[in-house]
């Protein structure tokens, strides 16, 4: 006849092995989900950066056109903006 404590020990060892396997699968799934989420966030951030760069290029192009079409007006605007900023910072 087999020893009951050896049988219980064997059963507990098997249960621990199964629990370990389930935990390993769960951790792997969580890591994979995190990697997928990070990839998605990266793609969305890249899109946002691309849009901001395009908007910045458009603003620079518009500013260039305004400066080319009215150079003296733009000099006056720049001087006025500098004066206002100096006053706001307390240096005027």
N, C-alpha and C. Protein backbone atom coordinates (compact mmCIF):
# COMPACT_ATOMS: atom_id res chain seq x y z
N UNK A 1 0.82 -1.17 0.00
CA UNK A 1 0.00 0.00 0.00
C UNK A 1 0.88 1.24 0.00
N UNK A 2 0.45 2.29 -0.73
CA UNK A 2 1.27 3.49 -0.81
C UNK A 2 1.03 4.37 0.40
N UNK A 3 2.01 5.14 0.72
CA UNK A 3 1.97 6.04 1.86
C UNK A 3 1.11 7.25 1.49
N UNK A 4 0.08 7.57 2.33
CA UNK A 4 -0.81 8.70 1.99
C UNK A 4 -0.08 10.03 1.95
N UNK A 5 0.91 10.25 2.80
CA UNK A 5 1.61 11.53 2.79
C UNK A 5 2.43 11.68 1.51
N UNK A 6 2.97 10.58 0.98
CA UNK A 6 3.72 10.64 -0.28
C UNK A 6 2.75 10.97 -1.41
N UNK A 7 1.56 10.37 -1.36
CA UNK A 7 0.54 10.63 -2.37
C UNK A 7 0.11 12.10 -2.33
N UNK A 8 -0.09 12.64 -1.13
CA UNK A 8 -0.47 14.06 -0.98
C UNK A 8 0.66 14.97 -1.48
N UNK A 9 1.88 14.59 -1.18
CA UNK A 9 3.03 15.37 -1.61
C UNK A 9 3.12 15.37 -3.15
N UNK A 10 2.91 14.23 -3.73
CA UNK A 10 2.95 14.12 -5.19
C UNK A 10 1.83 14.97 -5.81
N UNK A 11 0.64 14.90 -5.22
CA UNK A 11 -0.50 15.67 -5.71
C UNK A 11 -0.22 17.17 -5.56
N UNK A 12 0.33 17.58 -4.43
CA UNK A 12 0.65 18.99 -4.21
C UNK A 12 1.69 19.46 -5.20
N UNK A 13 2.67 18.62 -5.50
CA UNK A 13 3.71 18.97 -6.47
C UNK A 13 3.10 19.18 -7.86
N UNK A 14 2.18 18.30 -8.23
CA UNK A 14 1.51 18.45 -9.52
C UNK A 14 0.70 19.73 -9.57
N UNK A 15 -0.02 20.03 -8.49
CA UNK A 15 -0.84 21.25 -8.43
C UNK A 15 0.05 22.50 -8.51
N UNK A 16 1.17 22.47 -7.83
CA UNK A 16 2.10 23.60 -7.90
C UNK A 16 2.64 23.78 -9.31
N UNK A 17 2.92 22.68 -9.98
CA UNK A 17 3.39 22.75 -11.37
C UNK A 17 2.34 23.36 -12.28
N UNK A 18 1.09 22.95 -12.08
CA UNK A 18 0.00 23.52 -12.88
C UNK A 18 -0.18 25.00 -12.59
N UNK A 19 -0.11 25.36 -11.31
CA UNK A 19 -0.25 26.77 -10.94
C UNK A 19 0.87 27.59 -11.55
N UNK A 20 2.10 27.05 -11.53
CA UNK A 20 3.24 27.73 -12.13
C UNK A 20 3.01 27.94 -13.62
N UNK A 21 2.51 26.91 -14.30
CA UNK A 21 2.25 27.00 -15.74
C UNK A 21 1.20 28.06 -16.04
N UNK A 22 0.12 28.09 -15.24
CA UNK A 22 -0.93 29.09 -15.43
C UNK A 22 -0.39 30.50 -15.18
N UNK A 23 0.42 30.64 -14.15
CA UNK A 23 1.01 31.94 -13.84
C UNK A 23 1.94 32.39 -14.96
N UNK A 24 2.72 31.48 -15.49
CA UNK A 24 3.63 31.81 -16.59
C UNK A 24 2.86 32.28 -17.81
N UNK A 25 1.78 31.59 -18.13
CA UNK A 25 0.95 31.99 -19.27
C UNK A 25 0.31 33.35 -19.00
N UNK A 26 -0.17 33.56 -17.79
CA UNK A 26 -0.79 34.84 -17.44
C UNK A 26 0.20 36.00 -17.54
N UNK A 27 1.40 35.79 -17.05
CA UNK A 27 2.43 36.84 -17.13
C UNK A 27 2.79 37.10 -18.59
N UNK A 28 2.95 36.07 -19.37
CA UNK A 28 3.27 36.24 -20.79
C UNK A 28 2.17 37.00 -21.51
N UNK A 29 0.91 36.68 -21.21
CA UNK A 29 -0.21 37.40 -21.82
C UNK A 29 -0.19 38.87 -21.42
N UNK A 30 0.08 39.14 -20.14
CA UNK A 30 0.13 40.53 -19.67
C UNK A 30 1.27 41.30 -20.34
N UNK A 31 2.42 40.67 -20.47
CA UNK A 31 3.55 41.32 -21.13
C UNK A 31 3.22 41.60 -22.59
N UNK A 32 2.63 40.64 -23.28
CA UNK A 32 2.25 40.83 -24.68
C UNK A 32 1.22 41.94 -24.83
N UNK A 33 0.26 42.00 -23.93
CA UNK A 33 -0.74 43.07 -23.97
C UNK A 33 -0.07 44.43 -23.75
N UNK A 34 0.89 44.48 -22.83
CA UNK A 34 1.62 45.73 -22.59
C UNK A 34 2.42 46.16 -23.80
N UNK A 35 3.06 45.22 -24.46
CA UNK A 35 3.84 45.53 -25.66
C UNK A 35 2.91 46.04 -26.76
N UNK A 36 1.76 45.38 -26.94
CA UNK A 36 0.81 45.82 -27.95
C UNK A 36 0.31 47.24 -27.65
N UNK A 37 -0.01 47.51 -26.39
CA UNK A 37 -0.48 48.84 -26.00
C UNK A 37 0.61 49.88 -26.25
N UNK A 38 1.84 49.55 -25.93
CA UNK A 38 2.95 50.49 -26.15
C UNK A 38 3.12 50.78 -27.64
N UNK A 39 2.99 49.76 -28.47
CA UNK A 39 3.08 49.97 -29.93
C UNK A 39 1.98 50.89 -30.43
N UNK A 40 0.78 50.70 -29.90
CA UNK A 40 -0.35 51.54 -30.32
C UNK A 40 -0.13 52.99 -29.89
N UNK A 41 0.33 53.19 -28.66
CA UNK A 41 0.60 54.54 -28.18
C UNK A 41 1.70 55.19 -29.01
N UNK A 42 2.73 54.42 -29.35
CA UNK A 42 3.82 54.95 -30.17
C UNK A 42 3.29 55.38 -31.53
N UNK A 43 2.44 54.57 -32.14
CA UNK A 43 1.88 54.91 -33.45
C UNK A 43 1.04 56.18 -33.37
N UNK A 44 0.23 56.30 -32.32
CA UNK A 44 -0.59 57.50 -32.16
C UNK A 44 0.27 58.72 -31.91
N UNK A 45 1.31 58.58 -31.11
CA UNK A 45 2.21 59.69 -30.84
C UNK A 45 2.93 60.12 -32.12
N UNK A 46 3.32 59.16 -32.91
CA UNK A 46 4.01 59.46 -34.17
C UNK A 46 3.08 60.23 -35.10
N UNK A 47 1.83 59.84 -35.17
CA UNK A 47 0.85 60.56 -35.98
C UNK A 47 0.70 61.98 -35.49
N UNK A 48 0.60 62.16 -34.18
CA UNK A 48 0.44 63.50 -33.60
C UNK A 48 1.66 64.37 -33.90
N UNK A 49 2.83 63.80 -33.78
CA UNK A 49 4.05 64.56 -34.06
C UNK A 49 4.08 64.96 -35.54
N UNK A 50 3.73 64.04 -36.41
CA UNK A 50 3.70 64.35 -37.83
C UNK A 50 2.73 65.50 -38.13
N UNK A 51 1.56 65.47 -37.51
CA UNK A 51 0.58 66.54 -37.71
C UNK A 51 1.12 67.87 -37.19
N UNK A 52 1.75 67.85 -36.02
CA UNK A 52 2.31 69.08 -35.47
C UNK A 52 3.43 69.63 -36.34
N UNK A 53 4.26 68.76 -36.87
CA UNK A 53 5.34 69.19 -37.76
C UNK A 53 4.75 69.83 -39.01
N UNK A 54 3.72 69.20 -39.57
CA UNK A 54 3.08 69.77 -40.76
C UNK A 54 2.46 71.13 -40.46
N UNK A 55 1.81 71.26 -39.29
CA UNK A 55 1.23 72.54 -38.91
C UNK A 55 2.32 73.59 -38.73
N UNK A 56 3.43 73.20 -38.13
CA UNK A 56 4.55 74.13 -37.96
C UNK A 56 5.10 74.59 -39.29
N UNK A 57 5.23 73.67 -40.24
CA UNK A 57 5.71 74.03 -41.57
C UNK A 57 4.75 75.01 -42.25
N UNK A 58 3.45 74.76 -42.07
CA UNK A 58 2.45 75.67 -42.65
C UNK A 58 2.56 77.06 -42.05
N UNK A 59 2.74 77.14 -40.74
CA UNK A 59 2.86 78.44 -40.07
C UNK A 59 4.11 79.17 -40.55
N UNK A 60 5.22 78.45 -40.65
CA UNK A 60 6.46 79.07 -41.14
C UNK A 60 6.28 79.56 -42.57
N UNK A 61 5.61 78.77 -43.40
CA UNK A 61 5.38 79.18 -44.78
C UNK A 61 4.51 80.43 -44.84
N UNK A 62 3.46 80.47 -44.01
CA UNK A 62 2.58 81.63 -43.98
C UNK A 62 3.34 82.87 -43.48
N UNK A 63 4.18 82.68 -42.47
CA UNK A 63 4.97 83.80 -41.97
C UNK A 63 5.93 84.29 -43.04
N UNK A 64 6.54 83.37 -43.77
CA UNK A 64 7.44 83.76 -44.86
C UNK A 64 6.72 84.55 -45.93
N UNK A 65 5.52 84.13 -46.27
CA UNK A 65 4.72 84.85 -47.26
C UNK A 65 4.37 86.25 -46.76
N UNK A 66 3.98 86.34 -45.47
CA UNK A 66 3.62 87.64 -44.92
C UNK A 66 4.83 88.57 -44.90
N UNK A 67 6.00 88.04 -44.54
CA UNK A 67 7.21 88.85 -44.50
C UNK A 67 7.59 89.30 -45.91
N UNK A 68 7.47 88.42 -46.87
CA UNK A 68 7.81 88.77 -48.25
C UNK A 68 6.87 89.82 -48.81
N UNK A 69 5.60 89.72 -48.50
CA UNK A 69 4.62 90.65 -49.07
C UNK A 69 4.61 92.00 -48.36
N UNK A 70 4.93 92.03 -47.06
CA UNK A 70 4.91 93.29 -46.29
C UNK A 70 6.10 93.34 -45.33
N UNK A 71 7.30 93.48 -45.83
CA UNK A 71 8.47 93.41 -44.95
C UNK A 71 8.50 94.51 -43.88
N UNK A 72 8.16 95.74 -44.21
CA UNK A 72 8.23 96.83 -43.21
C UNK A 72 7.13 96.68 -42.16
N UNK A 73 5.99 96.19 -42.56
CA UNK A 73 4.92 95.94 -41.59
C UNK A 73 5.36 94.86 -40.60
N UNK A 74 6.01 93.83 -41.10
CA UNK A 74 6.47 92.75 -40.23
C UNK A 74 7.57 93.21 -39.29
N UNK A 75 8.43 94.12 -39.75
CA UNK A 75 9.45 94.68 -38.86
C UNK A 75 8.77 95.43 -37.73
N UNK A 76 7.75 96.22 -38.08
CA UNK A 76 7.00 96.96 -37.06
C UNK A 76 6.31 96.03 -36.08
N UNK A 77 5.73 94.96 -36.58
CA UNK A 77 5.06 93.98 -35.71
C UNK A 77 6.09 93.33 -34.78
N UNK A 78 7.25 92.98 -35.32
CA UNK A 78 8.29 92.36 -34.49
C UNK A 78 8.76 93.32 -33.40
N UNK A 79 8.96 94.58 -33.75
CA UNK A 79 9.38 95.57 -32.75
C UNK A 79 8.32 95.75 -31.67
N UNK A 80 7.06 95.83 -32.10
CA UNK A 80 5.97 95.99 -31.13
C UNK A 80 5.87 94.78 -30.21
N UNK A 81 6.00 93.59 -30.78
CA UNK A 81 5.92 92.37 -29.97
C UNK A 81 7.08 92.33 -28.98
N UNK A 82 8.28 92.71 -29.43
CA UNK A 82 9.43 92.76 -28.53
C UNK A 82 9.22 93.74 -27.40
N UNK A 83 8.65 94.90 -27.72
CA UNK A 83 8.38 95.91 -26.69
C UNK A 83 7.38 95.39 -25.66
N UNK A 84 6.30 94.78 -26.15
CA UNK A 84 5.27 94.25 -25.24
C UNK A 84 5.86 93.16 -24.36
N UNK A 85 6.64 92.26 -24.93
CA UNK A 85 7.24 91.19 -24.12
C UNK A 85 8.21 91.76 -23.09
N UNK A 86 8.97 92.76 -23.47
CA UNK A 86 9.91 93.39 -22.52
C UNK A 86 9.15 94.03 -21.38
N UNK A 87 8.04 94.69 -21.67
CA UNK A 87 7.22 95.32 -20.62
C UNK A 87 6.61 94.26 -19.70
N UNK A 88 6.15 93.17 -20.29
CA UNK A 88 5.55 92.11 -19.48
C UNK A 88 6.57 91.47 -18.54
N UNK A 89 7.80 91.38 -18.98
CA UNK A 89 8.85 90.77 -18.16
C UNK A 89 9.46 91.78 -17.20
N UNK A 90 9.04 93.04 -17.29
CA UNK A 90 9.52 94.05 -16.35
C UNK A 90 10.86 94.66 -16.73
N UNK A 91 11.20 94.63 -17.98
CA UNK A 91 12.48 95.18 -18.41
C UNK A 91 12.30 96.44 -19.27
N UNK A 92 11.13 96.98 -19.28
CA UNK A 92 10.90 98.09 -20.20
C UNK A 92 10.81 99.41 -19.56
